Amino acid sequence: MACNECLFDFCEIAICDGIGSFDLKMSAPIGGIYSLYLRYQEGLLKPIERVFGVGENISFTNLKLNENYCYTGYIIKPLGERLVFMNDSKTYDGIKFCTKFQI
């Protein structure tokens, strides 16, 4: 990841049986395969791919995640560029979140 990245913090994501989800609350600018790269363990990046159509809400569901663990990562758009998005007038090019067990 770039050294000048700005990560959007989802804070805690509740997971049940090792499955979690998050929603960027933004529409896909182009259709195709979006790849979510999550850093875990010793900095390894784990790609997770999802297909979104133009204008479809970008969300990653049914993610197999470790409980009580913090992740950082980013999303690559279909043409190979990092997805940049806005929230509260601030620009982000990555994400971070921690998982918590939900009963």
N, C-alpha and C. Protein backbone atom coordinates (compact mmCIF):
# COMPACT_ATOMS: atom_id res chain seq x y z
N MET A 1 0.84 -1.18 0.00
CA MET A 1 0.00 0.00 0.00
C MET A 1 0.89 1.25 0.00
N ALA A 2 0.38 2.27 -0.58
CA ALA A 2 1.15 3.51 -0.69
C ALA A 2 1.39 4.12 0.69
N CYS A 3 2.49 4.84 0.82
CA CYS A 3 2.80 5.42 2.12
C CYS A 3 2.00 6.69 2.39
N ASN A 4 1.25 7.20 1.43
CA ASN A 4 0.44 8.39 1.65
C ASN A 4 -1.05 8.06 1.65
N GLU A 5 -1.39 6.81 1.94
CA GLU A 5 -2.79 6.39 1.90
C GLU A 5 -3.60 7.02 3.03
N CYS A 6 -4.89 7.13 2.79
CA CYS A 6 -5.82 7.61 3.80
C CYS A 6 -6.88 6.53 3.95
N LEU A 7 -6.96 5.95 5.14
CA LEU A 7 -7.85 4.81 5.37
C LEU A 7 -9.16 5.25 6.02
N PHE A 8 -10.27 4.78 5.45
CA PHE A 8 -11.57 5.00 6.07
C PHE A 8 -11.75 3.94 7.14
N ASP A 9 -12.09 4.35 8.35
CA ASP A 9 -12.21 3.44 9.49
C ASP A 9 -13.66 3.03 9.69
N PHE A 10 -13.95 1.75 9.42
CA PHE A 10 -15.28 1.20 9.68
C PHE A 10 -15.47 0.87 11.16
N CYS A 11 -14.45 1.09 11.96
CA CYS A 11 -14.44 0.75 13.39
C CYS A 11 -14.60 -0.75 13.56
N GLU A 12 -15.69 -1.19 14.16
CA GLU A 12 -15.88 -2.62 14.39
C GLU A 12 -16.92 -3.20 13.45
N ILE A 13 -16.61 -4.38 12.93
CA ILE A 13 -17.55 -5.13 12.11
C ILE A 13 -17.90 -6.38 12.89
N ALA A 14 -19.20 -6.58 13.10
CA ALA A 14 -19.65 -7.77 13.83
C ALA A 14 -19.59 -8.98 12.90
N ILE A 15 -19.07 -10.07 13.42
CA ILE A 15 -19.03 -11.30 12.64
C ILE A 15 -19.71 -12.42 13.42
N CYS A 16 -20.28 -13.34 12.67
CA CYS A 16 -20.95 -14.49 13.27
C CYS A 16 -20.45 -15.73 12.52
N ASP A 17 -19.95 -16.70 13.23
CA ASP A 17 -19.38 -17.91 12.64
C ASP A 17 -18.29 -17.58 11.61
N GLY A 18 -17.51 -16.54 11.89
CA GLY A 18 -16.40 -16.18 11.03
C GLY A 18 -16.78 -15.44 9.76
N ILE A 19 -18.04 -15.00 9.65
CA ILE A 19 -18.52 -14.32 8.45
C ILE A 19 -18.87 -12.87 8.79
N GLY A 20 -18.36 -11.93 7.99
CA GLY A 20 -18.64 -10.51 8.19
C GLY A 20 -18.88 -9.80 6.87
N SER A 21 -19.34 -8.55 6.94
CA SER A 21 -19.65 -7.77 5.75
C SER A 21 -19.39 -6.30 6.01
N PHE A 22 -19.17 -5.55 4.93
CA PHE A 22 -19.15 -4.09 5.03
C PHE A 22 -19.62 -3.49 3.72
N ASP A 23 -20.10 -2.27 3.79
CA ASP A 23 -20.71 -1.57 2.66
C ASP A 23 -20.05 -0.21 2.52
N LEU A 24 -19.52 0.10 1.33
CA LEU A 24 -18.89 1.40 1.11
C LEU A 24 -19.92 2.51 0.93
N LYS A 25 -21.18 2.14 0.68
CA LYS A 25 -22.26 3.11 0.45
C LYS A 25 -21.92 4.03 -0.72
N MET A 26 -21.39 3.41 -1.78
CA MET A 26 -21.12 4.15 -3.01
C MET A 26 -21.40 3.23 -4.19
N SER A 27 -21.71 3.84 -5.32
CA SER A 27 -22.01 3.09 -6.53
C SER A 27 -20.73 2.78 -7.30
N ALA A 28 -20.73 1.64 -7.94
CA ALA A 28 -19.59 1.25 -8.78
C ALA A 28 -19.51 2.20 -9.98
N PRO A 29 -18.35 2.86 -10.17
CA PRO A 29 -18.22 3.79 -11.29
C PRO A 29 -18.17 3.08 -12.65
N ILE A 30 -17.69 1.83 -12.67
CA ILE A 30 -17.66 1.02 -13.89
C ILE A 30 -18.01 -0.41 -13.49
N GLY A 31 -18.50 -1.17 -14.43
CA GLY A 31 -18.83 -2.56 -14.16
C GLY A 31 -17.62 -3.46 -14.29
N GLY A 32 -17.65 -4.57 -13.56
CA GLY A 32 -16.58 -5.55 -13.66
C GLY A 32 -16.18 -6.12 -12.32
N ILE A 33 -15.01 -6.73 -12.29
CA ILE A 33 -14.51 -7.38 -11.07
C ILE A 33 -13.76 -6.38 -10.21
N TYR A 34 -14.19 -6.26 -8.95
CA TYR A 34 -13.52 -5.43 -7.96
C TYR A 34 -12.81 -6.37 -7.00
N SER A 35 -11.57 -6.08 -6.70
CA SER A 35 -10.77 -6.94 -5.82
C SER A 35 -10.47 -6.23 -4.52
N LEU A 36 -10.90 -6.83 -3.43
CA LEU A 36 -10.62 -6.32 -2.09
C LEU A 36 -9.36 -7.02 -1.61
N TYR A 37 -8.36 -6.23 -1.23
CA TYR A 37 -7.12 -6.78 -0.67
C TYR A 37 -7.06 -6.43 0.80
N LEU A 38 -7.03 -7.45 1.64
CA LEU A 38 -6.94 -7.24 3.09
C LEU A 38 -5.58 -7.70 3.58
N ARG A 39 -4.96 -6.87 4.40
CA ARG A 39 -3.68 -7.20 5.01
C ARG A 39 -3.99 -7.95 6.31
N TYR A 40 -3.33 -9.07 6.50
CA TYR A 40 -3.50 -9.85 7.72
C TYR A 40 -2.21 -10.57 8.05
N GLN A 41 -2.16 -11.11 9.23
CA GLN A 41 -0.99 -11.79 9.76
C GLN A 41 0.26 -10.96 9.55
N GLU A 42 1.22 -11.43 8.81
CA GLU A 42 2.49 -10.72 8.67
C GLU A 42 2.52 -9.84 7.43
N GLY A 43 1.43 -9.12 7.19
CA GLY A 43 1.38 -8.20 6.07
C GLY A 43 0.96 -8.83 4.76
N LEU A 44 0.53 -10.09 4.79
CA LEU A 44 0.08 -10.75 3.57
C LEU A 44 -1.22 -10.11 3.09
N LEU A 45 -1.38 -10.02 1.79
CA LEU A 45 -2.60 -9.46 1.23
C LEU A 45 -3.44 -10.58 0.65
N LYS A 46 -4.70 -10.63 1.09
CA LYS A 46 -5.61 -11.68 0.67
C LYS A 46 -6.65 -11.08 -0.27
N PRO A 47 -6.62 -11.40 -1.58
CA PRO A 47 -7.61 -10.82 -2.49
C PRO A 47 -8.96 -11.53 -2.42
N ILE A 48 -10.01 -10.73 -2.45
CA ILE A 48 -11.38 -11.24 -2.47
C ILE A 48 -12.08 -10.51 -3.61
N GLU A 49 -12.58 -11.26 -4.58
CA GLU A 49 -13.16 -10.63 -5.77
C GLU A 49 -14.68 -10.70 -5.76
N ARG A 50 -15.28 -9.60 -6.24
CA ARG A 50 -16.73 -9.51 -6.40
C ARG A 50 -17.01 -8.78 -7.71
N VAL A 51 -18.10 -9.13 -8.37
CA VAL A 51 -18.50 -8.47 -9.61
C VAL A 51 -19.61 -7.48 -9.29
N PHE A 52 -19.44 -6.25 -9.78
CA PHE A 52 -20.45 -5.21 -9.61
C PHE A 52 -20.75 -4.59 -10.96
N GLY A 53 -22.03 -4.30 -11.20
CA GLY A 53 -22.43 -3.60 -12.41
C GLY A 53 -22.33 -2.10 -12.19
N VAL A 54 -22.33 -1.33 -13.27
CA VAL A 54 -22.28 0.13 -13.17
C VAL A 54 -23.45 0.60 -12.30
N GLY A 55 -23.16 1.43 -11.31
CA GLY A 55 -24.18 1.97 -10.42
C GLY A 55 -24.60 1.06 -9.28
N GLU A 56 -24.13 -0.18 -9.27
CA GLU A 56 -24.46 -1.11 -8.19
C GLU A 56 -23.69 -0.73 -6.93
N ASN A 57 -24.33 -0.88 -5.79
CA ASN A 57 -23.71 -0.54 -4.51
C ASN A 57 -22.53 -1.47 -4.22
N ILE A 58 -21.39 -0.88 -3.88
CA ILE A 58 -20.19 -1.68 -3.59
C ILE A 58 -20.23 -2.12 -2.13
N SER A 59 -20.42 -3.42 -1.96
CA SER A 59 -20.40 -4.01 -0.62
C SER A 59 -19.75 -5.38 -0.72
N PHE A 60 -19.07 -5.75 0.31
CA PHE A 60 -18.44 -7.06 0.36
C PHE A 60 -19.10 -7.83 1.49
N THR A 61 -19.83 -8.89 1.11
CA THR A 61 -20.58 -9.69 2.08
C THR A 61 -20.01 -11.09 2.15
N ASN A 62 -20.39 -11.80 3.18
CA ASN A 62 -19.96 -13.18 3.40
C ASN A 62 -18.44 -13.33 3.39
N LEU A 63 -17.76 -12.37 4.00
CA LEU A 63 -16.30 -12.42 4.10
C LEU A 63 -15.89 -13.35 5.24
N LYS A 64 -14.99 -14.25 4.97
CA LYS A 64 -14.45 -15.12 6.02
C LYS A 64 -13.35 -14.36 6.72
N LEU A 65 -13.61 -13.97 7.98
CA LEU A 65 -12.68 -13.12 8.73
C LEU A 65 -12.37 -13.75 10.09
N ASN A 66 -11.22 -13.43 10.63
CA ASN A 66 -10.86 -13.86 11.98
C ASN A 66 -11.57 -12.99 12.99
N GLU A 67 -11.98 -13.59 14.10
CA GLU A 67 -12.60 -12.84 15.19
C GLU A 67 -11.54 -12.06 15.95
N ASN A 68 -11.93 -10.91 16.48
CA ASN A 68 -11.05 -10.08 17.30
C ASN A 68 -9.71 -9.80 16.60
N TYR A 69 -9.80 -9.34 15.37
CA TYR A 69 -8.61 -9.06 14.56
C TYR A 69 -8.83 -7.74 13.82
N CYS A 70 -7.77 -7.01 13.57
CA CYS A 70 -7.88 -5.75 12.83
C CYS A 70 -7.26 -5.91 11.45
N TYR A 71 -7.96 -5.39 10.46
CA TYR A 71 -7.54 -5.48 9.07
C TYR A 71 -7.35 -4.08 8.48
N THR A 72 -6.45 -3.96 7.52
CA THR A 72 -6.36 -2.79 6.65
C THR A 72 -6.36 -3.32 5.23
N GLY A 73 -6.77 -2.47 4.30
CA GLY A 73 -6.78 -2.94 2.93
C GLY A 73 -7.22 -1.87 1.95
N TYR A 74 -7.44 -2.29 0.73
CA TYR A 74 -7.86 -1.39 -0.34
C TYR A 74 -8.60 -2.21 -1.39
N ILE A 75 -9.25 -1.50 -2.31
CA ILE A 75 -10.03 -2.14 -3.37
C ILE A 75 -9.46 -1.70 -4.72
N ILE A 76 -9.30 -2.66 -5.60
CA ILE A 76 -8.82 -2.40 -6.96
C ILE A 76 -10.02 -2.51 -7.91
N LYS A 77 -10.19 -1.48 -8.75
CA LYS A 77 -11.27 -1.45 -9.74
C LYS A 77 -10.94 -2.37 -10.91
N PRO A 78 -11.94 -2.65 -11.77
CA PRO A 78 -11.73 -3.57 -12.90
C PRO A 78 -10.56 -3.23 -13.82
N LEU A 79 -10.21 -1.97 -13.97
CA LEU A 79 -9.10 -1.60 -14.86
C LEU A 79 -7.75 -1.54 -14.15
N GLY A 80 -7.70 -2.02 -12.90
CA GLY A 80 -6.43 -2.11 -12.18
C GLY A 80 -6.05 -0.92 -11.33
N GLU A 81 -6.91 0.07 -11.22
CA GLU A 81 -6.62 1.24 -10.39
C GLU A 81 -7.24 1.07 -9.00
N ARG A 82 -6.60 1.67 -8.02
CA ARG A 82 -7.15 1.64 -6.66
C ARG A 82 -8.42 2.49 -6.61
N LEU A 83 -9.44 1.98 -5.95
CA LEU A 83 -10.69 2.70 -5.79
C LEU A 83 -10.51 3.83 -4.78
N VAL A 84 -10.84 5.03 -5.18
CA VAL A 84 -10.80 6.20 -4.31
C VAL A 84 -12.23 6.63 -4.09
N PHE A 85 -12.60 6.90 -2.83
CA PHE A 85 -13.98 7.27 -2.54
C PHE A 85 -14.01 8.39 -1.53
N MET A 86 -15.17 9.03 -1.43
CA MET A 86 -15.31 10.17 -0.51
C MET A 86 -16.32 9.84 0.58
N ASN A 87 -16.08 10.42 1.75
CA ASN A 87 -17.00 10.34 2.87
C ASN A 87 -16.80 11.61 3.68
N ASP A 88 -17.89 12.34 3.91
CA ASP A 88 -17.83 13.61 4.65
C ASP A 88 -16.77 14.54 4.08
N SER A 89 -16.75 14.68 2.76
CA SER A 89 -15.84 15.59 2.04
C SER A 89 -14.36 15.24 2.18
N LYS A 90 -14.05 14.03 2.62
CA LYS A 90 -12.67 13.59 2.72
C LYS A 90 -12.46 12.43 1.75
N THR A 91 -11.31 12.40 1.11
CA THR A 91 -10.99 11.37 0.13
C THR A 91 -10.21 10.23 0.80
N TYR A 92 -10.64 9.00 0.50
CA TYR A 92 -10.00 7.79 1.06
C TYR A 92 -9.58 6.87 -0.08
N ASP A 93 -8.47 6.17 0.13
CA ASP A 93 -8.05 5.18 -0.85
C ASP A 93 -7.82 3.80 -0.22
N GLY A 94 -8.30 3.63 0.99
CA GLY A 94 -8.18 2.35 1.68
C GLY A 94 -9.18 2.28 2.82
N ILE A 95 -9.20 1.12 3.47
CA ILE A 95 -10.14 0.89 4.57
C ILE A 95 -9.41 0.25 5.74
N LYS A 96 -10.03 0.33 6.90
CA LYS A 96 -9.56 -0.42 8.06
C LYS A 96 -10.77 -0.74 8.93
N PHE A 97 -10.68 -1.86 9.63
CA PHE A 97 -11.74 -2.26 10.55
C PHE A 97 -11.21 -3.35 11.46
N CYS A 98 -11.88 -3.51 12.59
CA CYS A 98 -11.61 -4.61 13.50
C CYS A 98 -12.87 -5.46 13.58
N THR A 99 -12.70 -6.73 13.85
CA THR A 99 -13.85 -7.61 13.95
C THR A 99 -14.16 -7.89 15.41
N LYS A 100 -15.42 -8.11 15.66
CA LYS A 100 -15.85 -8.52 17.00
C LYS A 100 -16.88 -9.63 16.84
N PHE A 101 -16.90 -10.54 17.77
CA PHE A 101 -17.82 -11.65 17.73
C PHE A 101 -19.22 -11.19 18.08
N GLN A 102 -20.19 -11.61 17.28
CA GLN A 102 -21.60 -11.27 17.55
C GLN A 102 -22.33 -12.54 17.92
N ILE A 103 -23.06 -12.49 19.03
CA ILE A 103 -23.81 -13.68 19.49
C ILE A 103 -25.13 -13.76 18.78
